[in-house]
Protein backbone atom coordinates (compact mmCIF):
# COMPACT_ATOMS: atom_id res chain seq x y z
CA MET A 1 -16.92 -39.91 15.24
CA ASN A 2 -17.15 -38.77 11.69
CA ALA A 3 -14.29 -41.43 10.71
CA MET A 4 -16.55 -43.85 12.25
CA ILE A 5 -19.85 -43.01 10.73
CA ALA A 6 -17.84 -42.97 7.27
CA LEU A 7 -16.59 -46.73 7.81
CA ARG A 8 -19.97 -47.72 8.52
CA GLU A 9 -20.97 -45.96 5.28
CA SER A 10 -18.43 -47.42 3.24
CA ARG A 11 -18.80 -51.16 4.66
CA ASN A 12 -22.67 -51.24 3.87
CA LEU A 13 -22.48 -49.89 0.56
CA VAL A 14 -19.71 -52.71 -0.19
CA LEU A 15 -22.12 -55.51 1.60
CA LEU A 16 -25.20 -53.79 -1.05
CA TRP A 17 -23.00 -53.31 -3.62
CA ALA A 18 -21.83 -56.97 -3.69
CA GLY A 19 -24.92 -58.58 -2.65
CA GLN A 20 -26.44 -56.87 -6.32
CA PHE A 21 -23.67 -57.42 -8.42
CA ILE A 22 -23.57 -61.82 -7.68
CA SER A 23 -27.49 -61.72 -7.91
CA GLN A 24 -27.74 -59.66 -10.83
CA THR A 25 -24.74 -61.59 -12.37
CA GLY A 26 -27.58 -64.51 -11.61
CA ASP A 27 -30.12 -62.45 -13.17
CA PHE A 28 -28.21 -62.49 -16.49
CA LEU A 29 -27.72 -65.70 -16.55
CA PHE A 30 -31.35 -66.38 -16.17
CA GLN A 31 -31.76 -64.42 -19.21
CA ALA A 32 -29.41 -65.76 -21.10
CA THR A 33 -30.72 -69.55 -20.48
CA VAL A 34 -34.45 -69.49 -19.67
CA LEU A 35 -35.79 -68.86 -23.28
CA PHE A 36 -33.22 -71.21 -24.65
CA LEU A 37 -34.47 -73.89 -21.89
CA ILE A 38 -37.81 -73.77 -23.08
CA LEU A 39 -36.93 -73.61 -26.85
CA THR A 40 -35.13 -77.07 -26.10
CA ILE A 41 -37.69 -78.97 -24.01
CA GLU A 42 -40.75 -78.51 -25.90
CA PRO A 43 -39.93 -76.99 -30.08
CA SER A 44 -43.06 -77.11 -30.76
CA ARG A 45 -44.68 -74.15 -30.72
CA GLY A 46 -41.57 -72.88 -29.42
CA ALA A 47 -41.41 -69.14 -30.15
CA LEU A 48 -45.47 -68.55 -29.01
CA LYS A 49 -44.45 -70.02 -25.54
CA ALA A 50 -41.01 -68.38 -25.31
CA GLY A 51 -42.81 -64.82 -25.74
CA THR A 52 -45.82 -65.90 -23.39
CA VAL A 53 -42.77 -66.31 -20.74
CA SER A 54 -41.49 -63.46 -21.22
CA THR A 55 -44.68 -61.62 -21.17
CA LEU A 56 -45.01 -63.49 -17.46
CA GLU A 57 -41.96 -61.97 -16.53
CA THR A 58 -43.01 -58.12 -17.12
CA LEU A 59 -46.59 -58.81 -15.45
CA PRO A 60 -45.73 -58.42 -11.95
CA PHE A 61 -44.28 -55.11 -12.39
CA LEU A 62 -47.20 -53.93 -14.16
CA LEU A 63 -50.07 -55.66 -11.70
CA PHE A 64 -48.20 -55.10 -8.50
CA GLY A 65 -46.12 -52.11 -8.90
CA LEU A 66 -48.08 -49.61 -7.27
CA LEU A 67 -49.21 -52.28 -4.46
CA ALA A 68 -45.07 -53.50 -3.82
CA GLY A 69 -44.10 -49.69 -3.55
CA SER A 70 -46.87 -48.94 -0.18
CA LEU A 71 -45.96 -52.83 1.45
CA VAL A 72 -41.90 -50.89 1.22
CA ASP A 73 -43.39 -47.76 2.87
CA ARG A 74 -44.76 -50.21 5.51
CA TYR A 75 -41.98 -52.56 7.17
CA ARG A 76 -37.89 -52.21 7.13
CA ARG A 77 -36.67 -52.06 3.68
CA ARG A 78 -33.42 -54.65 4.99
CA THR A 79 -36.41 -56.90 6.01
CA VAL A 80 -38.09 -56.75 2.97
CA MET A 81 -35.18 -57.49 0.82
CA LEU A 82 -34.01 -60.26 3.09
CA LEU A 83 -37.47 -61.82 2.48
CA SER A 84 -37.28 -61.22 -1.33
CA ASP A 85 -34.03 -62.75 -1.91
CA ALA A 86 -34.76 -66.24 0.09
CA ALA A 87 -38.21 -66.25 -1.45
CA ARG A 88 -36.29 -65.89 -5.44
CA GLY A 89 -33.22 -68.22 -4.31
CA LEU A 90 -35.79 -71.18 -3.24
CA LEU A 91 -38.11 -70.75 -6.59
CA LEU A 92 -34.86 -71.43 -8.49
CA PHE A 93 -34.12 -74.31 -6.50
CA LEU A 94 -37.51 -75.48 -7.73
CA VAL A 95 -36.35 -76.24 -11.58
CA PRO A 96 -34.05 -79.14 -10.91
CA LEU A 97 -36.18 -80.62 -8.50
CA LEU A 98 -39.69 -80.25 -11.57
CA TRP A 99 -36.84 -81.88 -14.19
CA ALA A 100 -36.39 -84.77 -11.99
CA LEU A 101 -39.86 -85.33 -11.59
CA GLY A 102 -40.70 -84.75 -14.85
CA TRP A 103 -42.92 -81.48 -14.81
CA LEU A 104 -40.66 -79.05 -15.81
CA SER A 105 -42.82 -77.22 -18.67
CA TRP A 106 -43.07 -73.77 -20.42
CA VAL A 107 -46.07 -73.42 -18.15
CA SER A 108 -44.34 -74.32 -14.43
CA LEU A 109 -41.17 -72.29 -16.11
CA GLY A 110 -43.36 -68.98 -16.57
CA ALA A 111 -44.73 -69.11 -13.23
CA ILE A 112 -41.19 -69.61 -11.61
CA ALA A 113 -40.29 -66.37 -13.95
CA PHE A 114 -43.53 -64.87 -12.94
CA LEU A 115 -42.77 -65.30 -8.91
CA LEU A 116 -39.37 -64.13 -9.42
CA SER A 117 -40.33 -60.66 -10.76
CA THR A 118 -43.22 -60.51 -8.35
CA PHE A 119 -40.17 -60.30 -5.42
CA SER A 120 -38.40 -58.32 -7.30
CA THR A 121 -41.10 -55.60 -7.50
CA LEU A 122 -41.14 -55.52 -3.81
CA PHE A 123 -36.62 -55.71 -3.46
CA ASN A 124 -35.92 -53.01 -6.17
CA PRO A 125 -37.92 -50.24 -4.63
CA ALA A 126 -36.83 -51.53 -1.04
CA ARG A 127 -33.09 -51.26 -2.10
CA ASP A 128 -33.12 -47.91 -3.57
CA ALA A 129 -35.31 -46.28 -0.48
CA LEU A 130 -32.42 -47.89 2.08
CA ILE A 131 -29.68 -46.04 0.80
CA PRO A 132 -30.88 -42.76 1.96
CA SER A 133 -30.62 -44.83 5.18
CA LEU A 134 -26.75 -46.01 4.37
CA VAL A 135 -24.99 -42.31 3.85
CA GLY A 136 -25.50 -38.76 4.27
CA ARG A 137 -27.74 -36.55 1.93
CA GLU A 138 -24.36 -34.40 0.39
CA ARG A 139 -23.63 -38.03 -0.85
CA LEU A 140 -26.64 -39.50 -2.66
CA LEU A 141 -25.58 -39.45 -6.01
CA GLN A 142 -21.90 -41.06 -5.68
CA ALA A 143 -23.48 -43.78 -3.86
CA ASN A 144 -26.09 -43.98 -6.83
CA ALA A 145 -23.57 -44.33 -8.86
CA TRP A 146 -21.44 -47.06 -6.97
CA VAL A 147 -24.29 -49.50 -6.54
CA GLN A 148 -25.53 -49.33 -10.07
CA THR A 149 -21.88 -50.12 -11.58
CA SER A 150 -22.50 -53.37 -10.12
CA THR A 151 -25.80 -53.70 -12.44
CA GLN A 152 -23.31 -52.93 -15.52
CA LEU A 153 -20.50 -55.30 -14.14
CA ALA A 154 -23.08 -57.87 -13.79
CA MET A 155 -24.31 -57.64 -17.69
CA ILE A 156 -20.83 -58.17 -18.63
CA THR A 157 -20.20 -61.03 -16.62
CA GLY A 158 -23.05 -62.95 -16.63
CA THR A 159 -23.30 -62.82 -20.22
CA LEU A 160 -20.08 -63.78 -20.64
CA LEU A 161 -20.60 -66.22 -18.19
CA ALA A 162 -23.32 -68.28 -19.66
CA GLY A 163 -21.39 -68.54 -22.63
CA VAL A 164 -18.18 -69.97 -21.21
CA LEU A 165 -20.36 -72.15 -18.74
CA LEU A 166 -22.62 -73.80 -21.91
CA SER A 167 -19.59 -74.17 -23.70
CA VAL A 168 -17.52 -75.96 -20.80
CA GLN A 169 -20.75 -78.28 -20.04
CA ALA A 170 -21.76 -78.97 -23.35
CA GLY A 171 -22.52 -82.68 -23.73
CA GLY A 172 -22.11 -85.74 -25.92
CA GLY A 173 -25.81 -85.69 -27.38
CA GLY A 174 -27.16 -87.95 -25.05
CA GLU A 175 -30.37 -87.40 -23.46
CA GLY A 176 -30.42 -84.13 -21.55
CA ASP A 177 -26.65 -82.91 -22.57
CA ASP A 178 -28.21 -80.14 -23.53
CA VAL A 179 -31.04 -79.49 -20.69
CA LEU A 180 -29.18 -80.30 -17.97
CA PRO A 181 -26.14 -77.51 -18.56
CA MET A 182 -29.13 -74.52 -18.53
CA ILE A 183 -30.32 -76.21 -15.15
CA ARG A 184 -27.06 -75.89 -13.63
CA LEU A 185 -26.96 -72.21 -14.53
CA LEU A 186 -30.61 -71.78 -13.25
CA VAL A 187 -29.60 -73.45 -9.70
CA LEU A 188 -26.24 -71.17 -10.11
CA ASP A 189 -28.76 -68.29 -10.45
CA GLY A 190 -30.39 -69.53 -7.62
CA LEU A 191 -27.27 -69.62 -4.99
CA THR A 192 -26.58 -66.02 -6.30
CA PHE A 193 -29.81 -64.69 -4.11
CA PHE A 194 -28.74 -66.42 -1.06
CA VAL A 195 -24.90 -65.03 -1.30
CA SER A 196 -26.99 -61.41 -1.74
CA PHE A 197 -29.65 -62.39 1.68
CA ALA A 198 -25.97 -62.92 3.37
CA CYS A 199 -24.68 -59.57 2.19
CA VAL A 200 -27.86 -57.80 3.10
CA TRP A 201 -28.02 -59.52 6.19
CA LEU A 202 -24.47 -57.60 7.32
CA ILE A 203 -25.41 -54.34 6.75
CA ARG A 204 -25.86 -52.32 9.55
CA VAL A 205 -28.45 -49.63 9.59
CA ASP A 206 -30.49 -47.83 12.30
CA GLU A 207 -34.09 -48.12 10.79
CA PRO A 208 -37.21 -48.20 12.30
CA PRO A 209 -40.53 -49.64 11.21
CA LEU A 210 -42.60 -47.12 8.95
CA ARG A 211 -45.96 -49.33 9.58
CA PRO A 212 -48.56 -47.11 11.88
CA GLN A 213 -48.17 -48.23 15.73
CA ARG A 214 -51.13 -49.52 17.25
CA GLY A 215 -52.80 -46.94 19.02
CA ALA A 216 -51.93 -44.14 16.47
CA GLY A 217 -55.37 -44.55 14.57
CA PRO A 218 -56.70 -47.10 12.06
CA SER A 219 -53.81 -48.26 9.29
CA PRO A 220 -55.40 -47.60 5.59
CA SER A 221 -55.23 -50.13 3.41
CA ALA A 222 -52.01 -50.83 1.25
CA TRP A 223 -54.00 -50.06 -1.95
CA ARG A 224 -55.25 -46.75 -0.26
CA GLU A 225 -52.23 -45.99 0.14
CA ALA A 226 -50.81 -46.69 -3.24
CA VAL A 227 -53.50 -44.53 -4.55
CA GLU A 228 -52.50 -41.87 -2.38
CA GLY A 229 -48.31 -42.28 -3.10
CA LEU A 230 -49.74 -41.63 -6.96
CA ARG A 231 -51.76 -38.47 -6.51
CA TYR A 232 -48.10 -37.50 -4.01
CA ALA A 233 -45.83 -37.97 -7.29
CA TRP A 234 -48.80 -35.97 -9.65
CA GLY A 235 -48.99 -33.17 -7.72
CA SER A 236 -45.05 -32.39 -7.82
CA PRO A 237 -44.18 -31.03 -11.06
CA VAL A 238 -40.55 -32.31 -10.16
CA LEU A 239 -41.74 -35.83 -10.28
CA ARG A 240 -44.22 -35.14 -12.65
CA GLY A 241 -42.24 -33.93 -14.99
CA LEU A 242 -39.47 -37.28 -14.13
CA LEU A 243 -42.25 -39.30 -14.38
CA LEU A 244 -43.41 -38.12 -17.94
CA LEU A 245 -40.12 -37.84 -19.15
CA THR A 246 -39.33 -41.77 -18.17
CA ALA A 247 -42.24 -42.80 -19.74
CA VAL A 248 -41.74 -40.68 -23.22
CA ASP A 249 -37.99 -41.95 -23.13
CA ASN A 250 -38.24 -45.51 -22.49
CA PHE A 251 -41.31 -45.87 -25.05
CA PHE A 252 -38.61 -44.76 -27.88
CA ILE A 253 -35.32 -46.37 -26.37
CA MET A 254 -36.19 -49.31 -24.80
CA GLY A 255 -37.79 -51.32 -27.91
CA PRO A 256 -34.77 -50.85 -30.08
CA ALA A 257 -32.65 -52.04 -27.17
CA VAL A 258 -34.44 -55.21 -26.77
CA VAL A 259 -35.75 -56.03 -29.78
CA GLY A 260 -33.71 -53.72 -32.44
CA ALA A 261 -30.81 -55.05 -31.41
CA ASN A 262 -31.62 -58.56 -31.66
CA LEU A 263 -32.91 -57.75 -35.61
CA PHE A 264 -29.94 -55.43 -35.95
CA ILE A 265 -27.21 -57.88 -35.42
CA GLN A 266 -29.18 -60.91 -37.42
CA GLN A 267 -30.49 -59.14 -40.64
CA THR A 268 -28.72 -56.09 -40.83
CA LEU A 269 -25.64 -57.32 -40.05
CA GLY A 270 -26.39 -61.36 -40.63
CA LEU A 271 -24.46 -62.70 -37.30
CA GLU A 272 -25.38 -65.01 -34.92
CA ALA A 273 -26.19 -64.77 -31.16
CA ARG A 274 -22.80 -64.54 -29.82
CA HIS A 275 -22.62 -61.86 -31.56
CA LEU A 276 -25.45 -60.15 -29.70
CA ALA A 277 -23.92 -60.87 -26.99
CA PHE A 278 -20.93 -58.98 -27.27
CA PHE A 279 -22.85 -55.73 -28.55
CA GLN A 280 -24.41 -56.07 -25.33
CA ALA A 281 -21.33 -55.93 -23.18
CA ALA A 282 -20.11 -53.10 -25.02
CA LEU A 283 -23.33 -50.88 -24.08
CA ALA A 284 -22.76 -52.62 -20.65
CA LEU A 285 -19.25 -51.46 -20.72
CA GLY A 286 -20.34 -48.16 -21.99
CA TRP A 287 -22.62 -47.48 -19.02
CA LEU A 288 -20.37 -48.51 -16.60
CA LEU A 289 -17.95 -45.94 -17.63
CA GLY A 290 -20.87 -43.60 -17.97
CA THR A 291 -21.24 -44.62 -14.47
CA LEU A 292 -17.87 -44.01 -12.97
CA TRP A 293 -17.64 -40.53 -14.76
CA MET A 294 -20.21 -39.77 -12.57
CA LEU A 295 -19.30 -41.36 -9.59
CA ARG A 296 -16.48 -38.54 -9.63
CA HIS A 297 -18.28 -35.73 -11.71
CA GLY A 298 -21.69 -36.11 -11.30
CA LYS A 299 -21.83 -33.89 -8.02
CA ARG A 300 -20.33 -30.72 -9.73
CA LEU A 301 -23.67 -30.43 -11.86
CA PRO A 302 -26.55 -29.44 -11.47
CA LYS A 303 -28.82 -32.52 -11.50
CA GLY A 304 -31.97 -31.34 -13.61
CA LYS A 305 -30.37 -29.97 -16.58
CA LEU A 306 -27.86 -33.31 -16.72
CA LEU A 307 -30.55 -35.50 -16.35
CA LEU A 308 -32.41 -33.50 -19.58
CA PHE A 309 -29.02 -33.55 -21.17
CA GLY A 310 -28.57 -36.99 -20.61
CA ILE A 311 -32.46 -38.34 -22.19
CA ALA A 312 -31.41 -35.98 -24.58
CA MET A 313 -28.10 -37.78 -25.92
CA ASP A 314 -29.93 -41.13 -25.21
CA GLY A 315 -31.05 -40.97 -27.82
CA ALA A 316 -29.31 -38.82 -30.03
CA THR A 317 -26.62 -41.32 -29.53
CA TYR A 318 -28.90 -43.76 -31.35
CA LEU A 319 -28.95 -41.64 -34.48
CA PRO A 320 -25.26 -42.73 -36.21
CA PHE A 321 -26.86 -46.31 -36.07
CA LEU A 322 -28.93 -44.64 -39.34
CA ALA A 323 -25.82 -45.31 -41.63
CA PHE A 324 -25.82 -48.82 -41.44
CA LEU A 325 -28.75 -48.29 -44.44
CA SER A 326 -25.60 -48.20 -46.45
CA GLU A 327 -24.06 -51.90 -47.01
CA GLU A 328 -20.39 -50.34 -47.27
CA VAL A 329 -21.11 -48.93 -43.65
CA ARG A 330 -22.04 -51.96 -42.34
CA SER A 331 -19.08 -52.82 -39.56
CA TYR A 332 -19.95 -55.08 -36.73
CA GLY A 333 -16.70 -53.14 -34.85
CA LEU A 334 -18.47 -49.97 -35.76
CA SER A 335 -21.46 -50.90 -34.32
CA LEU A 336 -19.47 -52.02 -31.01
CA LEU A 337 -18.35 -48.76 -30.51
CA LEU A 338 -21.53 -46.77 -31.41
CA ILE A 339 -23.53 -48.60 -28.48
CA ALA A 340 -20.37 -48.25 -26.32
CA PHE A 341 -20.71 -44.24 -27.03
CA HIS A 342 -24.95 -44.57 -26.51
CA GLY A 343 -24.24 -46.43 -23.13
CA LEU A 344 -22.36 -43.61 -21.64
CA PHE A 345 -24.99 -41.42 -21.32
CA ILE A 346 -27.37 -43.46 -19.66
CA PRO A 347 -26.39 -43.04 -16.49
CA LEU A 348 -26.79 -39.35 -16.24
CA ILE A 349 -30.38 -40.29 -16.31
CA THR A 350 -30.58 -43.41 -14.50
CA VAL A 351 -27.83 -42.17 -11.46
CA THR A 352 -29.12 -38.49 -11.36
CA ARG A 353 -33.20 -39.75 -11.32
CA ALA A 354 -32.52 -41.89 -8.13
CA ALA A 355 -30.53 -39.07 -6.12
CA LEU A 356 -33.10 -36.67 -7.44
CA ILE A 357 -36.07 -38.61 -6.08
CA GLN A 358 -34.19 -39.31 -2.88
CA GLU A 359 -33.87 -36.42 -2.14
CA LEU A 360 -37.32 -34.41 -2.55
CA VAL A 361 -39.12 -37.68 -0.97
CA PRO A 362 -39.65 -38.38 2.57
CA SER A 363 -38.92 -41.90 3.81
CA GLU A 364 -42.30 -43.05 4.26
CA ARG A 365 -42.90 -42.43 0.44
CA LEU A 366 -39.84 -43.33 -0.99
CA GLY A 367 -40.85 -47.04 -1.83
CA ARG A 368 -43.95 -46.02 -3.58
CA VAL A 369 -42.12 -43.20 -5.58
CA PHE A 370 -39.47 -45.82 -6.71
CA ALA A 371 -42.40 -48.22 -7.21
CA LEU A 372 -43.75 -45.74 -9.68
CA VAL A 373 -40.77 -45.60 -11.79
CA ASN A 374 -40.35 -49.33 -12.04
CA LEU A 375 -43.77 -49.35 -13.53
CA THR A 376 -43.01 -46.63 -15.70
CA VAL A 377 -39.97 -48.49 -16.72
CA VAL A 378 -41.31 -51.64 -17.56
CA GLY A 379 -44.70 -50.58 -18.34
CA PHE A 380 -43.56 -48.45 -21.37
CA MET A 381 -40.61 -51.17 -21.98
CA ALA A 382 -42.82 -53.88 -22.92
CA LEU A 383 -45.16 -51.07 -25.08
CA SER A 384 -41.84 -50.42 -26.97
CA SER A 385 -41.10 -53.72 -27.45
CA PHE A 386 -44.57 -54.85 -29.18
CA THR A 387 -44.14 -51.16 -31.33
CA THR A 388 -41.04 -51.71 -32.53
CA GLY A 389 -41.43 -55.40 -33.69
CA ALA A 390 -44.37 -54.50 -35.03
CA LEU A 391 -42.45 -51.75 -36.94
CA GLY A 392 -39.58 -54.20 -37.61
CA GLU A 393 -42.02 -56.09 -39.97
CA VAL A 394 -42.26 -52.98 -42.35
CA LEU A 395 -38.34 -51.41 -41.70
CA GLU A 396 -35.18 -52.30 -41.53
CA ALA A 397 -33.44 -52.37 -37.86
CA PRO A 398 -31.54 -48.87 -38.19
CA TRP A 399 -34.77 -47.19 -39.40
CA LEU A 400 -35.90 -48.56 -36.00
CA PHE A 401 -32.47 -46.86 -33.80
CA GLY A 402 -32.99 -43.48 -36.27
CA LEU A 403 -37.11 -43.06 -35.07
CA ALA A 404 -36.16 -43.90 -31.54
CA GLY A 405 -33.27 -42.04 -31.60
CA ALA A 406 -35.32 -39.03 -32.74
CA GLY A 407 -38.04 -39.15 -30.45
CA GLY A 408 -35.74 -39.81 -27.59
CA ALA A 409 -33.65 -36.21 -28.31
CA LEU A 410 -36.88 -34.20 -28.59
CA SER A 411 -38.22 -35.84 -25.93
CA GLY A 412 -35.40 -34.38 -23.80
CA ILE A 413 -35.45 -31.09 -25.91
CA VAL A 414 -39.31 -30.41 -25.34
CA GLY A 415 -39.02 -31.67 -21.52
CA ALA A 416 -36.35 -28.87 -20.50
CA TRP A 417 -38.75 -26.52 -22.31
CA LEU A 418 -42.14 -28.03 -20.26
CA PHE A 419 -40.92 -28.81 -17.38
CA ARG A 420 -39.25 -26.12 -16.02
CA ALA A 421 -39.48 -27.30 -12.60
CA LEU A 422 -37.70 -30.26 -13.42
CA ARG A 423 -34.43 -28.12 -15.06
CA ARG A 424 -34.19 -25.79 -12.41
CA GLN A 425 -33.50 -28.55 -9.59
CA PRO A 426 -29.73 -28.16 -8.11
């Protein structure tokens, strides 16, 4: 019997991993393509249009994050994931149709990006809330580490694949030669969601519906359930500390990761976009190696201390970039080693945080709590990116990394002192 349960768990996790790897590879194809597509089809005030579309990608997490969590807690998580995959695939298939009709514009692409992210606000909490139904409690940390390796591999694969496919499809300068290769990549992204749909469909799990049954009393509104989930999380010393530290760490770290990296490669090192792709791939490689270490050794260490150490090191590993203020130190190879080293510590946060939530939160509230984490991450990433961009007008990129590193390291150290309940988690 135990062997049968282990086999079923392994099969389900492999299917979830495969679907996530393929669909997230498509996500990185989208990220590498959509803004360039806007700049190509509408070059007039293209930077403003591209920035607006980038903002529209973020908005659904801020507007609907809490509501999405309450919906995830009302229905079967696997069903929510299937609907989300199907909707996102169909949305991307609209791109070639809009191009053929002459309706493809920054407005239509912005609307598609907004809707894609809207369905992602449902999919991501549903996926994380489903994992405890797939494995036993004692395997949660390893299961999260295993599933999260799909993201790092997808980041490496997607960024490199985008460059290769665009190079292979390069035309001879005729009308549409610059646009059609990018449209094909977006169609390929759409196909990846249907592959993910098939993988999720094949998962077999006993998951009863979570929505209150008829006759059990009036069902509260989704918004009321969302507010109740927020109150529940804030009332838990562990979850409150977890969310606050997630917000502070993302404020310091994510701006340099998103905006600062571009400034660093272009202005500090004087290199091109392809060098940025390899810089991001090096980050993903370090992240992957850290996740593999967590898969093998993470269970032996107390989760609270491991999380706080990860937050402190997430910041501290940015501090060496201050050396690039000196022109003698500005080596691209050194920057790849440093960003890969930084990536090693990210899984100490992401894997441990997911496992802690899955262990502490009852199943009927998991969707709302994971939605709160997504809301916190994305919201403070947007604020951090704006702040980094503003500071980048007056400070060199190494200073941006240095300030972020100091703030991130201090947040981990101070968090260990302030949030003792979190620090004591086994």
